[in-house]
Protein backbone atom coordinates (compact mmCIF):
# COMPACT_ATOMS: atom_id res chain seq x y z
CA UNK A 1 81.84 293.33 243.32
CA UNK A 2 82.31 295.47 240.23
CA UNK A 3 82.26 293.60 236.93
CA UNK A 4 84.82 295.98 235.45
CA UNK A 5 87.83 297.80 236.81
CA UNK A 6 89.01 301.34 236.31
CA UNK A 7 91.67 299.92 233.99
CA UNK A 8 88.93 298.22 231.95
CA UNK A 9 87.02 301.50 231.77
CA UNK A 10 90.09 303.33 230.48
CA UNK A 11 91.01 300.52 228.06
CA UNK A 12 87.55 300.53 226.49
CA UNK A 13 86.94 304.28 226.39
CA UNK A 14 90.43 305.72 226.28
CA UNK A 15 92.23 307.98 228.72
CA UNK A 16 90.89 311.23 227.29
CA UNK A 17 87.25 310.20 227.57
CA UNK A 18 87.82 308.77 231.05
CA UNK A 19 89.38 312.09 232.06
CA UNK A 20 86.50 314.09 230.59
CA UNK A 21 83.86 311.88 232.19
CA UNK A 22 85.47 311.96 235.60
CA UNK A 23 86.11 315.69 235.62
CA UNK A 24 82.46 316.48 236.47
CA UNK A 25 82.16 320.26 236.37
CA UNK A 26 85.89 320.99 236.37
CA UNK A 27 86.96 320.83 232.73
CA UNK A 28 90.48 321.92 233.72
CA UNK A 29 91.08 318.65 235.64
CA UNK A 30 94.27 316.95 234.47
CA UNK A 31 94.00 313.60 236.29
CA UNK A 32 91.37 310.89 236.05
CA UNK A 33 89.21 310.96 239.17
CA UNK A 34 89.24 307.25 239.97
CA UNK A 35 86.70 307.55 242.78
CA UNK A 36 84.09 308.88 240.36
CA UNK A 37 84.75 306.12 237.86
CA UNK A 38 84.74 303.45 240.58
CA UNK A 39 81.39 304.67 241.88
CA UNK A 40 79.97 304.54 238.36
CA UNK A 41 81.35 301.01 237.87
CA UNK A 42 79.87 299.90 241.20
CA UNK A 43 76.49 301.36 240.25
CA UNK A 44 76.64 299.70 236.84
CA UNK A 45 77.45 296.34 238.44
CA UNK A 46 74.53 296.72 240.84
CA UNK A 47 72.26 297.46 237.90
CA UNK A 48 73.49 294.36 236.10
CA UNK A 49 73.01 292.26 239.24
CA UNK A 50 69.46 293.55 239.55
CA UNK A 51 68.62 292.19 236.15
CA UNK A 52 70.55 288.94 236.43
CA UNK A 53 69.24 288.08 239.90
CA UNK A 54 65.95 287.03 238.35
CA UNK A 55 67.63 283.96 236.88
CA UNK A 56 71.11 283.64 238.36
CA UNK A 57 72.96 283.81 241.64
CA UNK A 58 74.78 287.12 241.79
CA UNK A 59 77.40 288.35 241.70
CA UNK A 60 78.44 286.20 238.78
CA UNK A 61 81.63 284.34 239.71
CA UNK A 62 82.67 283.16 236.23
CA UNK A 63 82.57 286.51 234.51
CA UNK A 64 81.68 286.39 230.82
CA UNK A 65 83.65 289.08 228.93
CA UNK A 66 80.44 290.70 227.72
CA UNK A 67 79.50 291.63 231.32
CA UNK A 68 82.72 293.60 231.63
CA UNK A 69 81.85 295.52 228.46
CA UNK A 70 78.26 296.13 229.61
CA UNK A 71 79.53 297.38 232.97
CA UNK A 72 81.81 299.88 231.23
CA UNK A 73 79.02 301.03 228.92
CA UNK A 74 76.60 301.52 231.81
CA UNK A 75 79.24 303.32 233.85
CA UNK A 76 79.91 305.58 230.89
CA UNK A 77 76.21 306.44 230.73
CA UNK A 78 76.15 307.17 234.46
CA UNK A 79 79.15 309.50 234.22
CA UNK A 80 78.13 311.01 230.88
CA UNK A 81 77.16 314.62 230.63
């Protein structure tokens, strides 16, 4: 379960950055590649779960808003160039 959605990713970072981050090596891409962003969000959520599992049952059911933000930030790092 991803802690953030593609919509969350775009809302936090903006459409232009989401487009640039999802374009990979094709700078001429004109549409956000949702599969790339979703994979990054899934990886970020797994990373968060890895840290939280020491103390909590994961995935976290009652999602604190800060986890959504952390998931977006981690996904941004994963997709960053």
